[in-house]
Amino acid sequence: MAKVTVTLYMEEEDKDALQQLADAEERSLSQMAVLILKKAIKDAREEGKLSENPSSK
């Protein structure tokens, strides 16, 4: 699967907290964000909010 660039805007205090989490786990800010988003997607699929196939709409 190809990687893509995604730009997002967030409150500075949320970015700072995300950076603290990343530092605590010795990850980059981007890696931490991806990890959190993947967990949210997995949880949503398990709850039936998303289909198992990411390309289906």
N, C-alpha and C. Protein backbone atom coordinates (compact mmCIF):
# COMPACT_ATOMS: atom_id res chain seq x y z
N MET A 1 0.84 -1.17 0.00
CA MET A 1 0.00 0.00 0.00
C MET A 1 0.90 1.24 0.00
N ALA A 2 0.56 2.18 -0.85
CA ALA A 2 1.36 3.40 -0.96
C ALA A 2 1.11 4.33 0.21
N LYS A 3 2.13 5.03 0.61
CA LYS A 3 1.99 6.03 1.66
C LYS A 3 1.65 7.37 1.02
N VAL A 4 0.83 8.14 1.71
CA VAL A 4 0.42 9.46 1.23
C VAL A 4 0.69 10.48 2.32
N THR A 5 0.74 11.72 1.94
CA THR A 5 0.92 12.81 2.89
C THR A 5 -0.45 13.36 3.26
N VAL A 6 -0.67 13.57 4.55
CA VAL A 6 -1.92 14.16 5.03
C VAL A 6 -1.54 15.34 5.92
N THR A 7 -2.16 16.46 5.67
CA THR A 7 -1.94 17.64 6.49
C THR A 7 -3.14 17.83 7.40
N LEU A 8 -2.89 18.10 8.66
CA LEU A 8 -4.00 18.38 9.56
C LEU A 8 -3.65 19.55 10.45
N TYR A 9 -4.69 20.17 10.96
CA TYR A 9 -4.52 21.31 11.86
C TYR A 9 -5.08 20.92 13.21
N MET A 10 -4.34 21.20 14.25
CA MET A 10 -4.78 20.86 15.60
C MET A 10 -4.35 21.96 16.55
N GLU A 11 -4.96 21.95 17.71
CA GLU A 11 -4.59 22.92 18.73
C GLU A 11 -3.15 22.66 19.17
N GLU A 12 -2.44 23.72 19.48
CA GLU A 12 -1.04 23.61 19.87
C GLU A 12 -0.86 22.72 21.10
N GLU A 13 -1.77 22.82 22.08
CA GLU A 13 -1.63 21.99 23.27
C GLU A 13 -1.82 20.50 22.95
N ASP A 14 -2.67 20.19 21.96
CA ASP A 14 -2.83 18.80 21.55
C ASP A 14 -1.57 18.28 20.84
N LYS A 15 -0.98 19.14 20.04
CA LYS A 15 0.27 18.77 19.36
C LYS A 15 1.38 18.56 20.38
N ASP A 16 1.44 19.40 21.39
CA ASP A 16 2.45 19.25 22.43
C ASP A 16 2.26 17.94 23.20
N ALA A 17 1.00 17.60 23.50
CA ALA A 17 0.72 16.35 24.20
C ALA A 17 1.09 15.15 23.33
N LEU A 18 0.78 15.24 22.04
CA LEU A 18 1.14 14.17 21.11
C LEU A 18 2.66 14.02 21.04
N GLN A 19 3.37 15.12 21.05
CA GLN A 19 4.83 15.08 21.03
C GLN A 19 5.36 14.43 22.31
N GLN A 20 4.75 14.72 23.44
CA GLN A 20 5.17 14.10 24.70
C GLN A 20 4.97 12.58 24.64
N LEU A 21 3.83 12.15 24.10
CA LEU A 21 3.59 10.71 23.94
C LEU A 21 4.64 10.08 23.03
N ALA A 22 4.92 10.76 21.92
CA ALA A 22 5.91 10.25 20.97
C ALA A 22 7.28 10.15 21.63
N ASP A 23 7.66 11.16 22.37
CA ASP A 23 8.95 11.15 23.05
C ASP A 23 9.03 10.01 24.06
N ALA A 24 7.93 9.79 24.80
CA ALA A 24 7.91 8.74 25.81
C ALA A 24 8.07 7.36 25.20
N GLU A 25 7.60 7.19 23.96
CA GLU A 25 7.70 5.90 23.29
C GLU A 25 8.83 5.86 22.25
N GLU A 26 9.67 6.89 22.27
CA GLU A 26 10.79 7.00 21.34
C GLU A 26 10.35 6.83 19.89
N ARG A 27 9.30 7.57 19.54
CA ARG A 27 8.76 7.59 18.18
C ARG A 27 8.76 9.03 17.68
N SER A 28 8.65 9.17 16.37
CA SER A 28 8.49 10.51 15.82
C SER A 28 7.04 10.94 16.01
N LEU A 29 6.79 12.21 15.88
CA LEU A 29 5.44 12.75 15.98
C LEU A 29 4.54 12.07 14.94
N SER A 30 5.04 11.93 13.74
CA SER A 30 4.28 11.30 12.66
C SER A 30 3.97 9.84 12.98
N GLN A 31 4.97 9.10 13.46
CA GLN A 31 4.75 7.70 13.80
C GLN A 31 3.69 7.56 14.90
N MET A 32 3.74 8.45 15.88
CA MET A 32 2.77 8.40 16.98
C MET A 32 1.38 8.68 16.47
N ALA A 33 1.24 9.67 15.62
CA ALA A 33 -0.07 10.01 15.05
C ALA A 33 -0.63 8.84 14.25
N VAL A 34 0.20 8.21 13.44
CA VAL A 34 -0.24 7.06 12.65
C VAL A 34 -0.68 5.92 13.56
N LEU A 35 0.09 5.65 14.61
CA LEU A 35 -0.26 4.59 15.55
C LEU A 35 -1.63 4.84 16.18
N ILE A 36 -1.87 6.05 16.62
CA ILE A 36 -3.15 6.40 17.25
C ILE A 36 -4.29 6.31 16.23
N LEU A 37 -4.07 6.80 15.03
CA LEU A 37 -5.11 6.74 14.01
C LEU A 37 -5.42 5.30 13.61
N LYS A 38 -4.40 4.45 13.49
CA LYS A 38 -4.63 3.05 13.15
C LYS A 38 -5.46 2.37 14.23
N LYS A 39 -5.19 2.69 15.49
CA LYS A 39 -5.97 2.09 16.58
C LYS A 39 -7.42 2.56 16.51
N ALA A 40 -7.64 3.83 16.23
CA ALA A 40 -9.00 4.36 16.13
C ALA A 40 -9.74 3.69 14.96
N ILE A 41 -9.06 3.47 13.85
CA ILE A 41 -9.67 2.81 12.69
C ILE A 41 -10.01 1.36 13.03
N LYS A 42 -9.08 0.67 13.68
CA LYS A 42 -9.32 -0.73 14.09
C LYS A 42 -10.52 -0.81 15.01
N ASP A 43 -10.57 0.07 16.01
CA ASP A 43 -11.69 0.08 16.95
C ASP A 43 -13.01 0.36 16.23
N ALA A 44 -13.01 1.30 15.30
CA ALA A 44 -14.23 1.64 14.56
C ALA A 44 -14.69 0.45 13.71
N ARG A 45 -13.76 -0.29 13.13
CA ARG A 45 -14.13 -1.48 12.35
C ARG A 45 -14.74 -2.53 13.27
N GLU A 46 -14.14 -2.72 14.44
CA GLU A 46 -14.66 -3.71 15.39
C GLU A 46 -16.05 -3.34 15.88
N GLU A 47 -16.35 -2.05 15.95
CA GLU A 47 -17.67 -1.56 16.38
C GLU A 47 -18.66 -1.50 15.23
N GLY A 48 -18.22 -1.86 14.02
CA GLY A 48 -19.10 -1.85 12.86
C GLY A 48 -19.32 -0.49 12.24
N LYS A 49 -18.52 0.48 12.64
CA LYS A 49 -18.66 1.83 12.10
C LYS A 49 -18.00 1.97 10.73
N LEU A 50 -17.05 1.09 10.44
CA LEU A 50 -16.35 1.06 9.16
C LEU A 50 -16.37 -0.36 8.61
N SER A 51 -16.32 -0.46 7.28
CA SER A 51 -16.26 -1.78 6.67
C SER A 51 -14.84 -2.32 6.81
N GLU A 52 -14.69 -3.62 6.66
CA GLU A 52 -13.37 -4.25 6.74
C GLU A 52 -12.50 -3.87 5.55
N ASN A 53 -13.11 -3.64 4.41
CA ASN A 53 -12.38 -3.29 3.19
C ASN A 53 -12.26 -1.78 3.09
N PRO A 54 -11.04 -1.24 3.26
CA PRO A 54 -10.90 0.23 3.25
C PRO A 54 -11.26 0.88 1.92
N SER A 55 -11.28 0.13 0.82
CA SER A 55 -11.58 0.75 -0.46
C SER A 55 -13.08 0.77 -0.75
N SER A 56 -13.90 0.05 0.03
CA SER A 56 -15.34 0.07 -0.20
C SER A 56 -15.93 1.34 0.41
N LYS A 57 -16.94 1.89 -0.25
CA LYS A 57 -17.51 3.17 0.21
C LYS A 57 -18.95 3.02 0.56
